[in-house]
């Protein structure tokens, strides 16, 4: 709000922290989107391979998923 509209809500001037929060939110949204694409089965080989490798490496955490396949 401070940068866009000229308000002075961050009186201490922690712009770096606010930038970090924005970047974190964008990264979380991209990761969630990648997960949704993978789970709906629309992922091509390029996106599916890292997920499959992660699941194979951590089989104990994905027992329910492995039973369905």
PDB file of N, CA and C in Angstrom:
ATOM      1  N   UNK A   1       0.818  -1.187   0.000  1.00  0.00           N
ATOM      2  CA  UNK A   1       0.000   0.000   0.000  1.00  0.00           C
ATOM      3  C   UNK A   1       0.862   1.251   0.000  1.00  0.00           C
ATOM      4  N   UNK A   2       1.972   1.178   0.725  1.00  0.00           N
ATOM      5  CA  UNK A   2       2.846   2.349   0.777  1.00  0.00           C
ATOM      6  C   UNK A   2       3.407   2.681  -0.595  1.00  0.00           C
ATOM      7  N   UNK A   3       3.888   1.671  -1.295  1.00  0.00           N
ATOM      8  CA  UNK A   3       4.512   1.902  -2.605  1.00  0.00           C
ATOM      9  C   UNK A   3       3.496   2.277  -3.666  1.00  0.00           C
ATOM     10  N   UNK A   4       2.339   1.598  -3.649  1.00  0.00           N
ATOM     11  CA  UNK A   4       1.354   1.819  -4.702  1.00  0.00           C
ATOM     12  C   UNK A   4       0.560   3.114  -4.529  1.00  0.00           C
ATOM     13  N   UNK A   5       0.170   3.394  -3.285  1.00  0.00           N
ATOM     14  CA  UNK A   5      -0.738   4.512  -3.060  1.00  0.00           C
ATOM     15  C   UNK A   5      -0.127   5.658  -2.261  1.00  0.00           C
ATOM     16  N   UNK A   6       1.133   5.547  -1.879  1.00  0.00           N
ATOM     17  CA  UNK A   6       1.787   6.627  -1.168  1.00  0.00           C
ATOM     18  C   UNK A   6       1.419   6.743   0.299  1.00  0.00           C
ATOM     19  N   UNK A   7       0.866   5.664   0.868  1.00  0.00           N
ATOM     20  CA  UNK A   7       0.541   5.685   2.297  1.00  0.00           C
ATOM     21  C   UNK A   7       1.813   5.532   3.110  1.00  0.00           C
ATOM     22  N   UNK A   8       1.696   5.757   4.415  1.00  0.00           N
ATOM     23  CA  UNK A   8       2.826   5.582   5.310  1.00  0.00           C
ATOM     24  C   UNK A   8       2.440   4.572   6.396  1.00  0.00           C
ATOM     25  N   UNK A   9       2.056   3.380   5.985  1.00  0.00           N
ATOM     26  CA  UNK A   9       1.633   2.351   6.937  1.00  0.00           C
ATOM     27  C   UNK A   9       2.841   1.687   7.604  1.00  0.00           C
ATOM     28  N   UNK A  10       3.955   1.582   6.885  1.00  0.00           N
ATOM     29  CA  UNK A  10       5.170   0.988   7.451  1.00  0.00           C
ATOM     30  C   UNK A  10       6.060   2.106   7.962  1.00  0.00           C
ATOM     31  N   UNK A  11       5.798   2.548   9.115  1.00  0.00           N
ATOM     32  CA  UNK A  11       6.545   3.681   9.647  1.00  0.00           C
ATOM     33  C   UNK A  11       8.006   3.365   9.904  1.00  0.00           C
ATOM     34  N   UNK A  12       8.318   2.082  10.150  1.00  0.00           N
ATOM     35  CA  UNK A  12       9.711   1.716  10.398  1.00  0.00           C
ATOM     36  C   UNK A  12      10.479   1.488   9.100  1.00  0.00           C
ATOM     37  N   UNK A  13       9.792   1.416   7.972  1.00  0.00           N
ATOM     38  CA  UNK A  13      10.466   1.300   6.686  1.00  0.00           C
ATOM     39  C   UNK A  13      11.006  -0.072   6.359  1.00  0.00           C
ATOM     40  N   UNK A  14      10.299  -1.115   6.708  1.00  0.00           N
ATOM     41  CA  UNK A  14      10.761  -2.472   6.435  1.00  0.00           C
ATOM     42  C   UNK A  14      10.332  -2.942   5.039  1.00  0.00           C
ATOM     43  N   UNK A  15      10.745  -2.225   4.040  1.00  0.00           N
ATOM     44  CA  UNK A  15      10.372  -2.567   2.668  1.00  0.00           C
ATOM     45  C   UNK A  15      10.948  -3.917   2.243  1.00  0.00           C
ATOM     46  N   UNK A  16      12.120  -4.243   2.742  1.00  0.00           N
ATOM     47  CA  UNK A  16      12.743  -5.512   2.384  1.00  0.00           C
ATOM     48  C   UNK A  16      11.892  -6.686   2.860  1.00  0.00           C
ATOM     49  N   UNK A  17      11.370  -6.591   4.066  1.00  0.00           N
ATOM     50  CA  UNK A  17      10.519  -7.655   4.601  1.00  0.00           C
ATOM     51  C   UNK A  17       9.247  -7.780   3.789  1.00  0.00           C
ATOM     52  N   UNK A  18       8.653  -6.678   3.416  1.00  0.00           N
ATOM     53  CA  UNK A  18       7.436  -6.722   2.611  1.00  0.00           C
ATOM     54  C   UNK A  18       7.709  -7.332   1.243  1.00  0.00           C
ATOM     55  N   UNK A  19       8.847  -6.999   0.666  1.00  0.00           N
ATOM     56  CA  UNK A  19       9.230  -7.611  -0.610  1.00  0.00           C
ATOM     57  C   UNK A  19       9.406  -9.108  -0.478  1.00  0.00           C
ATOM     58  N   UNK A  20      10.022  -9.540   0.617  1.00  0.00           N
ATOM     59  CA  UNK A  20      10.193 -10.972   0.863  1.00  0.00           C
ATOM     60  C   UNK A  20       8.848 -11.678   0.976  1.00  0.00           C
ATOM     61  N   UNK A  21       7.904 -11.053   1.663  1.00  0.00           N
ATOM     62  CA  UNK A  21       6.581 -11.662   1.815  1.00  0.00           C
ATOM     63  C   UNK A  21       5.859 -11.789   0.478  1.00  0.00           C
ATOM     64  N   UNK A  22       5.994 -10.790  -0.366  1.00  0.00           N
ATOM     65  CA  UNK A  22       5.362 -10.839  -1.687  1.00  0.00           C
ATOM     66  C   UNK A  22       5.988 -11.949  -2.526  1.00  0.00           C
ATOM     67  N   UNK A  23       7.303 -12.042  -2.526  1.00  0.00           N
ATOM     68  CA  UNK A  23       7.985 -13.080  -3.296  1.00  0.00           C
ATOM     69  C   UNK A  23       7.629 -14.464  -2.755  1.00  0.00           C
ATOM     70  N   UNK A  24       7.544 -14.614  -1.444  1.00  0.00           N
ATOM     71  CA  UNK A  24       7.147 -15.892  -0.838  1.00  0.00           C
ATOM     72  C   UNK A  24       5.737 -16.288  -1.257  1.00  0.00           C
ATOM     73  N   UNK A  25       4.829 -15.336  -1.278  1.00  0.00           N
ATOM     74  CA  UNK A  25       3.451 -15.625  -1.671  1.00  0.00           C
ATOM     75  C   UNK A  25       3.372 -16.053  -3.133  1.00  0.00           C
ATOM     76  N   UNK A  26       4.129 -15.398  -3.991  1.00  0.00           N
ATOM     77  CA  UNK A  26       4.141 -15.767  -5.410  1.00  0.00           C
ATOM     78  C   UNK A  26       4.732 -17.171  -5.577  1.00  0.00           C
ATOM     79  N   UNK A  27       5.802 -17.464  -4.867  1.00  0.00           N
ATOM     80  CA  UNK A  27       6.409 -18.795  -4.943  1.00  0.00           C
ATOM     81  C   UNK A  27       5.468 -19.873  -4.449  1.00  0.00           C
ATOM     82  N   UNK A  28       4.747 -19.601  -3.365  1.00  0.00           N
ATOM     83  CA  UNK A  28       3.783 -20.570  -2.843  1.00  0.00           C
ATOM     84  C   UNK A  28       2.645 -20.798  -3.835  1.00  0.00           C
ATOM     85  N   UNK A  29       2.197 -19.743  -4.481  1.00  0.00           N
ATOM     86  CA  UNK A  29       1.130 -19.878  -5.479  1.00  0.00           C
ATOM     87  C   UNK A  29       1.599 -20.712  -6.669  1.00  0.00           C
ATOM     88  N   UNK A  30       2.819 -20.505  -7.110  1.00  0.00           N
ATOM     89  CA  UNK A  30       3.357 -21.301  -8.228  1.00  0.00           C
ATOM     90  C   UNK A  30       3.512 -22.773  -7.842  1.00  0.00           C
ATOM     91  N   UNK A  31       3.978 -23.029  -6.627  1.00  0.00           N
ATOM     92  CA  UNK A  31       4.119 -24.410  -6.165  1.00  0.00           C
ATOM     93  C   UNK A  31       2.750 -25.082  -6.056  1.00  0.00           C
ATOM     94  N   UNK A  32       1.758 -24.362  -5.556  1.00  0.00           N
ATOM     95  CA  UNK A  32       0.410 -24.918  -5.462  1.00  0.00           C
ATOM     96  C   UNK A  32      -0.160 -25.199  -6.851  1.00  0.00           C
ATOM     97  N   UNK A  33       0.076 -24.311  -7.787  1.00  0.00           N
ATOM     98  CA  UNK A  33      -0.389 -24.520  -9.155  1.00  0.00           C
ATOM     99  C   UNK A  33       0.271 -25.739  -9.780  1.00  0.00           C
ATOM    100  N   UNK A  34       1.569 -25.906  -9.566  1.00  0.00           N
ATOM    101  CA  UNK A  34       2.270 -27.082 -10.084  1.00  0.00           C
ATOM    102  C   UNK A  34       1.700 -28.357  -9.479  1.00  0.00           C
ATOM    103  N   UNK A  35       1.389 -28.334  -8.188  1.00  0.00           N
ATOM    104  CA  UNK A  35       0.794 -29.504  -7.541  1.00  0.00           C
ATOM    105  C   UNK A  35      -0.580 -29.831  -8.091  1.00  0.00           C
ATOM    106  N   UNK A  36      -1.380 -28.813  -8.320  1.00  0.00           N
ATOM    107  CA  UNK A  36      -2.720 -29.036  -8.885  1.00  0.00           C
ATOM    108  C   UNK A  36      -2.619 -29.615 -10.289  1.00  0.00           C
ATOM    109  N   UNK A  37      -1.721 -29.084 -11.090  1.00  0.00           N
ATOM    110  CA  UNK A  37      -1.540 -29.602 -12.450  1.00  0.00           C
ATOM    111  C   UNK A  37      -1.102 -31.057 -12.398  1.00  0.00           C
ATOM    112  N   UNK A  38      -0.192 -31.380 -11.486  1.00  0.00           N
ATOM    113  CA  UNK A  38       0.271 -32.762 -11.359  1.00  0.00           C
ATOM    114  C   UNK A  38      -0.861 -33.681 -10.922  1.00  0.00           C
ATOM    115  N   UNK A  39      -1.622 -33.275  -9.916  1.00  0.00           N
ATOM    116  CA  UNK A  39      -2.669 -34.130  -9.384  1.00  0.00           C
ATOM    117  C   UNK A  39      -3.836 -34.309 -10.337  1.00  0.00           C
ATOM    118  N   UNK A  40      -4.094 -33.351 -11.194  1.00  0.00           N
ATOM    119  CA  UNK A  40      -5.177 -33.506 -12.164  1.00  0.00           C
ATOM    120  C   UNK A  40      -4.741 -34.314 -13.377  1.00  0.00           C
ATOM    121  N   UNK A  41      -3.462 -34.627 -13.460  1.00  0.00           N
ATOM    122  CA  UNK A  41      -2.979 -35.474 -14.545  1.00  0.00           C
ATOM    123  C   UNK A  41      -2.688 -34.740 -15.832  1.00  0.00           C
ATOM    124  N   UNK A  42      -2.650 -33.433 -15.807  1.00  0.00           N
ATOM    125  CA  UNK A  42      -2.389 -32.649 -17.012  1.00  0.00           C
ATOM    126  C   UNK A  42      -0.909 -32.389 -17.238  1.00  0.00           C
ATOM    127  N   UNK A  43      -0.092 -32.870 -16.324  1.00  0.00           N
ATOM    128  CA  UNK A  43       1.344 -32.580 -16.404  1.00  0.00           C
ATOM    129  C   UNK A  43       1.996 -33.393 -17.513  1.00  0.00           C
ATOM    130  N   UNK A  44       2.860 -32.741 -18.227  1.00  0.00           N
ATOM    131  CA  UNK A  44       3.646 -33.437 -19.230  1.00  0.00           C
ATOM    132  C   UNK A  44       4.833 -34.118 -18.570  1.00  0.00           C
ATOM    133  N   UNK A  45       5.655 -34.733 -19.361  1.00  0.00           N
ATOM    134  CA  UNK A  45       6.812 -35.440 -18.809  1.00  0.00           C
ATOM    135  C   UNK A  45       7.759 -34.511 -18.062  1.00  0.00           C
ATOM    136  N   UNK A  46       7.921 -33.285 -18.525  1.00  0.00           N
ATOM    137  CA  UNK A  46       8.859 -32.357 -17.906  1.00  0.00           C
ATOM    138  C   UNK A  46       8.504 -31.990 -16.474  1.00  0.00           C
ATOM    139  N   UNK A  47       7.218 -31.795 -16.183  1.00  0.00           N
ATOM    140  CA  UNK A  47       6.801 -31.439 -14.835  1.00  0.00           C
ATOM    141  C   UNK A  47       6.581 -32.676 -13.980  1.00  0.00           C
ATOM    142  N   UNK A  48       6.183 -33.768 -14.575  1.00  0.00           N
ATOM    143  CA  UNK A  48       5.852 -34.976 -13.831  1.00  0.00           C
ATOM    144  C   UNK A  48       7.088 -35.679 -13.272  1.00  0.00           C
ATOM    145  N   UNK A  49       8.188 -35.631 -13.973  1.00  0.00           N
ATOM    146  CA  UNK A  49       9.392 -36.367 -13.562  1.00  0.00           C
ATOM    147  C   UNK A  49       9.910 -35.954 -12.181  1.00  0.00           C
ATOM    148  N   UNK A  50      10.051 -34.659 -11.849  1.00  0.00           N
ATOM    149  CA  UNK A  50      10.531 -34.311 -10.506  1.00  0.00           C
ATOM    150  C   UNK A  50       9.579 -34.770  -9.397  1.00  0.00           C
ATOM    151  N   UNK A  51       8.270 -34.687  -9.657  1.00  0.00           N
ATOM    152  CA  UNK A  51       7.311 -35.151  -8.664  1.00  0.00           C
ATOM    153  C   UNK A  51       7.433 -36.655  -8.454  1.00  0.00           C
ATOM    154  N   UNK A  52       7.529 -37.418  -9.546  1.00  0.00           N
ATOM    155  CA  UNK A  52       7.656 -38.867  -9.428  1.00  0.00           C
ATOM    156  C   UNK A  52       8.938 -39.250  -8.702  1.00  0.00           C
ATOM    157  N   UNK A  53      10.015 -38.557  -8.971  1.00  0.00           N
ATOM    158  CA  UNK A  53      11.277 -38.833  -8.282  1.00  0.00           C
ATOM    159  C   UNK A  53      11.155 -38.536  -6.789  1.00  0.00           C
ATOM    160  N   UNK A  54      10.522 -37.426  -6.438  1.00  0.00           N
ATOM    161  CA  UNK A  54      10.335 -37.074  -5.029  1.00  0.00           C
ATOM    162  C   UNK A  54       9.476 -38.113  -4.318  1.00  0.00           C
ATOM    163  N   UNK A  55       8.403 -38.550  -4.973  1.00  0.00           N
ATOM    164  CA  UNK A  55       7.518 -39.547  -4.373  1.00  0.00           C
ATOM    165  C   UNK A  55       8.236 -40.876  -4.214  1.00  0.00           C
ATOM    166  N   UNK A  56       9.010 -41.277  -5.217  1.00  0.00           N
ATOM    167  CA  UNK A  56       9.755 -42.538  -5.130  1.00  0.00           C
ATOM    168  C   UNK A  56      10.798 -42.484  -4.018  1.00  0.00           C
ATOM    169  N   UNK A  57      11.427 -41.344  -3.838  1.00  0.00           N
ATOM    170  CA  UNK A  57      12.442 -41.187  -2.796  1.00  0.00           C
ATOM    171  C   UNK A  57      11.820 -41.203  -1.400  1.00  0.00           C
ATOM    172  N   UNK A  58      10.603 -40.721  -1.272  1.00  0.00           N
ATOM    173  CA  UNK A  58       9.921 -40.610   0.031  1.00  0.00           C
ATOM    174  C   UNK A  58       8.692 -41.516   0.089  1.00  0.00           C
ATOM    175  N   UNK A  59       8.845 -42.776  -0.284  1.00  0.00           N
ATOM    176  CA  UNK A  59       7.702 -43.702  -0.355  1.00  0.00           C
ATOM    177  C   UNK A  59       6.939 -43.819   0.949  1.00  0.00           C
ATOM    178  N   UNK A  60       7.623 -43.790   2.068  1.00  0.00           N
ATOM    179  CA  UNK A  60       6.939 -43.966   3.353  1.00  0.00           C
ATOM    180  C   UNK A  60       5.923 -42.857   3.618  1.00  0.00           C
ATOM    181  N   UNK A  61       6.133 -41.697   3.059  1.00  0.00           N
ATOM    182  CA  UNK A  61       5.209 -40.583   3.259  1.00  0.00           C
ATOM    183  C   UNK A  61       4.045 -40.601   2.271  1.00  0.00           C
ATOM    184  N   UNK A  62       4.129 -41.443   1.250  1.00  0.00           N
ATOM    185  CA  UNK A  62       3.111 -41.473   0.204  1.00  0.00           C
ATOM    186  C   UNK A  62       2.502 -42.866   0.064  1.00  0.00           C
ATOM    187  N   UNK A  63       2.291 -43.569   1.164  1.00  0.00           N
ATOM    188  CA  UNK A  63       1.750 -44.933   1.108  1.00  0.00           C
ATOM    189  C   UNK A  63       0.385 -44.972   0.444  1.00  0.00           C
ATOM    190  N   UNK A  64      -0.502 -44.056   0.802  1.00  0.00           N
ATOM    191  CA  UNK A  64      -1.858 -44.055   0.255  1.00  0.00           C
ATOM    192  C   UNK A  64      -1.823 -43.842  -1.264  1.00  0.00           C
ATOM    193  N   UNK A  65      -0.979 -42.957  -1.732  1.00  0.00           N
ATOM    194  CA  UNK A  65      -0.857 -42.676  -3.154  1.00  0.00           C
ATOM    195  C   UNK A  65      -0.315 -43.894  -3.897  1.00  0.00           C
ATOM    196  N   UNK A  66       0.649 -44.594  -3.299  1.00  0.00           N
ATOM    197  CA  UNK A  66       1.271 -45.756  -3.957  1.00  0.00           C
ATOM    198  C   UNK A  66       0.288 -46.910  -4.072  1.00  0.00           C
ATOM    199  N   UNK A  67      -0.659 -47.042  -3.144  1.00  0.00           N
ATOM    200  CA  UNK A  67      -1.649 -48.127  -3.219  1.00  0.00           C
ATOM    201  C   UNK A  67      -2.594 -47.941  -4.394  1.00  0.00           C
ATOM    202  N   UNK A  68      -2.882 -46.688  -4.758  1.00  0.00           N
ATOM    203  CA  UNK A  68      -3.805 -46.406  -5.858  1.00  0.00           C
ATOM    204  C   UNK A  68      -3.220 -46.734  -7.214  1.00  0.00           C
ATOM    205  N   UNK A  69      -1.921 -46.700  -7.356  1.00  0.00           N
ATOM    206  CA  UNK A  69      -1.295 -46.901  -8.672  1.00  0.00           C
ATOM    207  C   UNK A  69      -1.220 -48.335  -9.044  1.00  0.00           C
TER     208      UNK A  69
END
